[in-house]
Amino acid sequence: MSLKHLAAAALTAALATLGPAPAAAQEPLRIEITEGVIEPMPIALPRIQASPDAAVLAEEVRNVVISDLSGSGLFRIIDEAAYLSDGGSVD
């Protein structure tokens, strides 16, 4: 037996003692999600107390924010009747 064959046999024997490779090395990781609950986060958006000149603009901005957040499905707008205080002033 040549030295090359002897080295190959020794390497094969050494690798055989290590055992099979871990499962993670053989197959890609697979995660299966079968159930889930996604609830929108409640958020309060009180009215902005602005001067009479800016009141219309303040309400338009608030409505755009409400529309965007509730339309994303990630937020639920809390009813204004449940607010603990009025919105603050922008001044």
Protein backbone atom coordinates (compact mmCIF):
# COMPACT_ATOMS: atom_id res chain seq x y z
CA MET A 1 0.00 0.00 0.00
CA SER A 2 1.42 3.35 -0.99
CA LEU A 3 1.79 6.30 1.33
CA LYS A 4 -0.94 8.13 -0.59
CA HIS A 5 -3.41 5.26 -0.07
CA LEU A 6 -2.43 4.92 3.57
CA ALA A 7 -3.07 8.66 4.18
CA ALA A 8 -6.45 8.44 2.44
CA ALA A 9 -7.43 5.42 4.55
CA ALA A 10 -6.36 7.17 7.76
CA LEU A 11 -8.34 10.28 6.82
CA THR A 12 -11.41 8.17 6.00
CA ALA A 13 -11.14 6.36 9.36
CA ALA A 14 -10.76 9.64 11.23
CA LEU A 15 -13.79 11.16 9.55
CA ALA A 16 -15.85 8.04 10.25
CA THR A 17 -15.23 8.42 14.00
CA LEU A 18 -16.72 11.91 13.95
CA GLY A 19 -20.14 10.54 13.06
CA PRO A 20 -22.73 12.06 10.78
CA ALA A 21 -22.88 15.79 10.23
CA PRO A 22 -25.41 17.73 12.37
CA ALA A 23 -28.90 18.02 10.88
CA ALA A 24 -28.53 21.78 10.53
CA ALA A 25 -25.67 21.27 8.09
CA GLN A 26 -27.68 18.81 5.99
CA GLU A 27 -30.98 20.69 5.64
CA PRO A 28 -31.91 24.36 5.69
CA LEU A 29 -33.76 25.59 8.76
CA ARG A 30 -37.52 25.58 8.21
CA ILE A 31 -39.98 27.39 10.46
CA GLU A 32 -43.68 26.76 10.02
CA ILE A 33 -46.17 29.15 11.60
CA THR A 34 -49.59 27.58 11.81
CA GLU A 35 -51.43 30.15 13.95
CA GLY A 36 -51.08 33.71 15.00
CA VAL A 37 -52.94 36.67 16.40
CA ILE A 38 -52.23 40.17 15.20
CA GLU A 39 -54.08 42.86 17.09
CA PRO A 40 -53.78 46.51 16.16
CA MET A 41 -52.14 48.70 18.81
CA PRO A 42 -54.59 51.16 20.37
CA ILE A 43 -53.55 54.80 19.90
CA ALA A 44 -55.13 58.09 20.96
CA LEU A 45 -55.06 61.05 18.60
CA PRO A 46 -56.68 64.00 20.38
CA ARG A 47 -57.68 67.13 18.58
CA ILE A 48 -55.00 69.81 18.39
CA GLN A 49 -56.01 73.05 20.08
CA ALA A 50 -54.97 75.67 17.54
CA SER A 51 -55.78 79.30 16.83
CA PRO A 52 -58.91 79.94 14.74
CA ASP A 53 -56.70 80.59 11.69
CA ALA A 54 -54.99 77.21 12.02
CA ALA A 55 -57.92 75.12 13.30
CA VAL A 56 -58.94 73.84 9.86
CA LEU A 57 -55.37 72.89 8.96
CA ALA A 58 -54.85 71.20 12.35
CA GLU A 59 -57.99 69.10 11.85
CA GLU A 60 -56.94 68.15 8.30
CA VAL A 61 -53.51 67.03 9.53
CA ARG A 62 -55.11 64.99 12.32
CA ASN A 63 -57.50 63.32 9.85
CA VAL A 64 -54.63 62.38 7.52
CA VAL A 65 -52.68 60.85 10.42
CA ILE A 66 -55.77 58.94 11.59
CA SER A 67 -56.42 57.68 8.07
CA ASP A 68 -52.82 56.57 7.53
CA LEU A 69 -52.42 54.81 10.88
CA SER A 70 -55.78 53.04 10.88
CA GLY A 71 -55.39 52.14 7.19
CA SER A 72 -52.11 50.36 7.91
CA GLY A 73 -53.97 47.80 10.01
CA LEU A 74 -51.35 48.11 12.76
CA PHE A 75 -53.20 50.73 14.84
CA ARG A 76 -56.69 51.05 16.27
CA ILE A 77 -57.85 54.60 16.97
CA ILE A 78 -59.33 54.94 20.48
CA ASP A 79 -62.75 56.61 20.63
CA GLU A 80 -62.47 60.26 21.73
CA ALA A 81 -65.03 59.66 24.50
CA ALA A 82 -62.42 57.50 26.27
CA TYR A 83 -59.72 60.21 26.32
CA LEU A 84 -58.66 61.37 29.79
CA SER A 85 -57.86 64.93 28.68
CA ASP A 86 -58.13 67.25 25.70
CA GLY A 87 -55.32 67.65 23.22
CA GLY A 88 -52.61 70.19 23.90
CA SER A 89 -51.94 73.46 22.22
CA VAL A 90 -49.40 73.83 19.43
CA ASP A 91 -48.25 77.18 20.88
